[in-house]
Protein backbone atom coordinates (compact mmCIF):
# COMPACT_ATOMS: atom_id res chain seq x y z
CA MET A 1 -23.20 0.23 -11.17
CA THR A 2 -22.63 0.20 -7.17
CA TYR A 3 -19.99 2.50 -5.54
CA SER A 4 -17.89 -0.20 -4.50
CA GLU A 5 -17.44 -1.03 -8.52
CA VAL A 6 -16.88 2.37 -9.37
CA ALA A 7 -14.39 2.87 -6.55
CA LYS A 8 -12.78 -0.57 -8.22
CA ARG A 9 -12.59 1.15 -11.31
CA LEU A 10 -11.29 4.50 -10.07
CA ARG A 11 -8.68 2.67 -8.03
CA LEU A 12 -5.67 2.56 -10.45
CA PRO A 13 -6.21 5.46 -12.70
CA LEU A 14 -6.83 8.16 -9.73
CA GLY A 15 -3.73 6.34 -7.73
CA PHE A 16 -1.58 6.86 -11.12
CA LEU A 17 -3.30 10.58 -11.78
CA LEU A 18 -2.01 11.66 -8.03
CA GLY A 19 1.06 9.65 -8.17
CA ILE A 20 2.21 11.65 -11.33
CA SER A 21 0.81 15.05 -9.70
CA TYR A 22 2.88 14.41 -6.78
CA LEU A 23 6.06 13.69 -8.29
CA VAL A 24 5.57 16.90 -10.58
CA PHE A 25 4.67 19.23 -7.62
CA ALA A 26 6.36 17.78 -4.38
CA ARG A 27 8.84 19.51 -2.65
CA PRO A 28 10.38 17.84 -0.03
CA THR A 29 12.86 19.20 2.69
CA PRO A 30 15.69 16.90 3.64
CA LEU A 31 13.87 16.18 7.09
CA THR A 32 10.31 15.38 5.61
CA LEU A 33 11.90 13.37 3.25
CA ALA A 34 13.88 11.35 5.88
CA VAL A 35 10.76 10.86 7.98
CA GLY A 36 8.11 10.26 5.17
CA GLY A 37 10.70 7.89 3.32
CA LEU A 38 11.12 5.75 6.21
CA ILE A 39 7.44 5.76 6.56
CA ALA A 40 6.93 4.76 3.09
CA LEU A 41 9.58 2.18 3.28
CA ILE A 42 8.01 0.58 6.37
CA GLY A 43 4.79 0.23 4.01
CA VAL A 44 7.02 -1.52 1.23
CA ILE A 45 8.32 -4.10 3.67
CA ILE A 46 5.02 -4.74 5.18
CA ARG A 47 3.48 -5.25 1.42
CA ALA A 48 6.60 -7.47 0.57
CA TRP A 49 5.91 -9.42 3.65
CA ALA A 50 2.09 -9.93 2.98
CA SER A 51 2.87 -11.12 -0.44
CA GLY A 52 4.97 -13.87 0.48
CA HIS A 53 2.24 -15.29 2.50
CA ILE A 54 -0.98 -15.22 0.50
CA SER A 55 -2.27 -17.47 -2.05
CA LYS A 56 -5.27 -15.83 -3.35
CA ASN A 57 -8.26 -17.76 -3.70
CA GLU A 58 -6.77 -21.11 -2.53
CA ARG A 59 -6.58 -20.70 0.99
CA LEU A 60 -7.15 -18.27 4.04
CA ALA A 61 -3.94 -16.46 4.81
CA THR A 62 -3.83 -15.83 8.56
CA THR A 63 -0.01 -16.17 9.31
CA GLY A 64 2.52 -13.36 9.01
CA PRO A 65 1.12 -9.89 8.87
CA TYR A 66 -2.40 -11.60 8.12
CA ALA A 67 -2.37 -12.44 11.69
CA HIS A 68 -2.21 -8.73 12.82
CA THR A 69 -4.51 -7.25 10.10
CA ARG A 70 -6.93 -8.62 7.27
CA ASN A 71 -5.60 -6.24 5.01
CA PRO A 72 -2.10 -5.91 5.03
CA LEU A 73 -1.50 -5.18 1.46
CA TYR A 74 -3.66 -2.19 1.86
CA PHE A 75 -2.31 -0.97 5.04
CA GLY A 76 1.28 -1.27 3.53
CA SER A 77 -0.04 0.61 0.71
CA PHE A 78 -1.62 3.19 3.18
CA LEU A 79 1.94 3.62 4.73
CA ILE A 80 3.58 4.18 1.18
CA ALA A 81 0.99 7.05 0.44
CA ALA A 82 1.13 8.48 3.91
CA GLY A 83 4.93 8.52 3.76
CA PHE A 84 5.45 10.01 0.59
CA ALA A 85 2.66 12.78 1.69
CA VAL A 86 4.49 13.64 4.39
CA ALA A 87 7.63 13.90 2.65
CA ALA A 88 6.10 16.65 0.71
CA HIS A 89 3.77 18.34 3.18
CA TRP A 90 2.04 16.88 6.17
CA ALA A 91 -1.22 18.41 4.51
CA LEU A 92 -1.31 15.55 1.84
CA LEU A 93 -2.17 13.35 4.68
CA LEU A 94 -5.68 14.35 4.47
CA LEU A 95 -5.89 13.68 0.76
CA VAL A 96 -4.27 10.14 1.60
CA VAL A 97 -6.83 9.27 4.34
CA ALA A 98 -9.77 10.75 1.83
CA PHE A 99 -8.62 8.39 -0.90
CA PHE A 100 -8.33 5.13 1.16
CA ALA A 101 -11.68 6.01 2.88
CA PHE A 102 -13.53 6.67 -0.36
CA ILE A 103 -11.57 4.21 -2.91
CA TYR A 104 -10.22 1.34 -0.70
CA ALA A 105 -12.83 0.84 2.24
CA PRO A 106 -15.43 -0.08 -0.28
CA THR A 107 -12.87 -2.25 -2.02
CA MET A 108 -11.98 -4.15 1.38
CA GLN A 109 -15.72 -4.54 2.08
CA ARG A 110 -16.22 -6.21 -1.35
CA GLU A 111 -13.25 -8.57 -0.67
CA ARG A 112 -14.43 -9.26 2.52
CA ALA A 113 -17.75 -10.62 1.34
CA ASN A 114 -15.96 -12.73 -1.34
CA ILE A 115 -13.42 -14.19 1.11
CA ALA A 116 -16.23 -14.89 3.50
CA GLU A 117 -17.92 -16.99 0.98
CA ARG A 118 -14.89 -18.89 -0.04
CA PHE A 119 -13.87 -20.02 3.60
CA PRO A 120 -17.13 -19.45 5.71
CA GLU A 121 -15.99 -21.21 8.79
CA ALA A 122 -12.28 -20.05 8.92
CA TYR A 123 -13.08 -16.70 8.01
CA GLU A 124 -15.52 -16.17 10.82
CA ALA A 125 -12.95 -16.84 13.43
CA TYR A 126 -10.68 -14.89 11.82
CA ALA A 127 -12.94 -11.71 11.53
CA ALA A 128 -13.52 -11.70 15.13
CA ASN A 129 -9.96 -11.81 16.33
CA VAL A 130 -8.04 -10.00 13.62
CA PRO A 131 -9.01 -5.96 12.76
CA VAL A 132 -9.89 -5.09 9.20
CA PHE A 133 -7.12 -2.55 8.63
CA VAL A 134 -5.03 -1.05 11.52
CA PRO A 135 -2.90 -4.02 12.98
CA ARG A 136 -3.05 -5.44 16.08
CA PRO A 137 -0.14 -5.35 17.98
CA THR A 138 0.40 -9.02 18.77
CA PRO A 139 -0.23 -11.65 16.07
CA TRP A 140 -3.57 -14.05 16.37
CA LYS A 141 -3.02 -17.78 16.20
CA ALA A 142 -5.78 -19.66 14.72
CA THR A 143 -6.98 -22.82 16.57
CA HIS A 144 -6.90 -24.78 13.30
CA PRO A 145 -4.76 -22.80 10.95
CA ASP A 146 -3.77 -23.81 7.26
CA ASP A 147 -0.50 -22.01 8.06
CA GLY A 148 1.30 -22.98 4.83
CA ASP A 149 5.17 -22.83 5.33
CA GLY A 150 5.52 -19.31 6.51
CA PHE A 151 6.86 -16.41 3.92
CA SER A 152 7.50 -17.93 0.30
CA LEU A 153 9.75 -16.30 -1.91
CA ASP A 154 7.93 -17.92 -4.82
CA LEU A 155 4.70 -16.15 -3.76
CA TYR A 156 6.60 -12.62 -3.44
CA LEU A 157 8.04 -13.26 -7.10
CA LYS A 158 4.82 -14.61 -8.36
CA HIS A 159 2.80 -11.68 -7.07
CA GLY A 160 5.40 -9.21 -8.49
CA GLU A 161 5.72 -7.31 -5.36
CA TRP A 162 9.39 -6.47 -6.07
CA LYS A 163 7.89 -3.73 -8.43
CA ALA A 164 6.73 -1.81 -5.50
CA GLY A 165 10.36 -1.67 -3.83
CA LEU A 166 11.90 -0.71 -7.34
CA THR A 167 9.18 1.95 -7.54
CA PHE A 168 9.91 3.05 -4.15
CA LEU A 169 13.58 3.52 -4.95
CA LEU A 170 12.67 5.32 -8.25
CA VAL A 171 10.47 7.78 -6.39
CA MET A 172 13.27 8.26 -3.47
CA ALA A 173 15.76 8.85 -6.13
CA TRP A 174 13.76 11.30 -7.92
CA LEU A 175 12.75 13.19 -4.45
CA ILE A 176 16.39 13.30 -3.23
CA TRP A 177 17.49 14.83 -6.44
CA VAL A 178 14.61 17.31 -6.32
CA THR A 179 15.53 17.96 -2.71
CA LYS A 180 19.40 18.51 -3.27
CA ASN A 181 19.17 20.32 -6.29
CA GLY A 182 16.27 22.65 -5.49
CA VAL A 183 15.15 22.19 -9.11
CA ALA A 184 11.48 22.94 -9.63
CA ALA A 185 10.05 19.53 -11.29
CA VAL A 186 7.88 21.35 -13.44
CA TRP A 187 10.81 23.37 -14.84
CA LEU A 188 12.85 20.21 -15.27
CA ILE A 189 10.12 18.27 -17.00
CA HIS A 190 9.33 20.92 -19.26
CA ARG A 191 13.17 21.08 -20.17
CA LEU A 192 13.19 17.34 -20.68
CA VAL A 193 9.74 17.35 -22.99
CA THR A 194 10.95 20.47 -24.87
CA GLY A 195 14.77 20.12 -24.85
CA VAL A 196 14.57 24.02 -24.30
């Protein structure tokens, strides 16, 4: 089994484990929650925008956020994770960067090979003009784009990206509650589980 395959298998379980640990131990302040929440919200918006532009395995997405970065869904996820890290403590950004470097970078490399094989001619020009991860400030205009119709609400709903928005709202509600009440999350979970 290659490292890329291991990273693919670990991505979701590790993400859930880190997410649950975060919810239990995060102690945001009002300021860090506001700043981190804004960063995470931008990530949610980027993911929503991207999901409305991608028809997976049908055509090469080069419009919307895909004209700025080849991986806007992963970039949005990075901003969500980075935002919630900032909300708890800036040092958690190191964990987020490490997680993306060791887990998501191999995933993006594997997907890049798949997309280049499916759309060899179009992908060569696209890859030469659009960065892998960090977005370019201005959108790239393909010389022979298969633009589709721009953002599609149907695609957004089909991909289930609304779940990321809902999760963002639930996590923010939890963090606001923890910040406002000053109650240790571990104590609260213990009370909910044991009733004591």
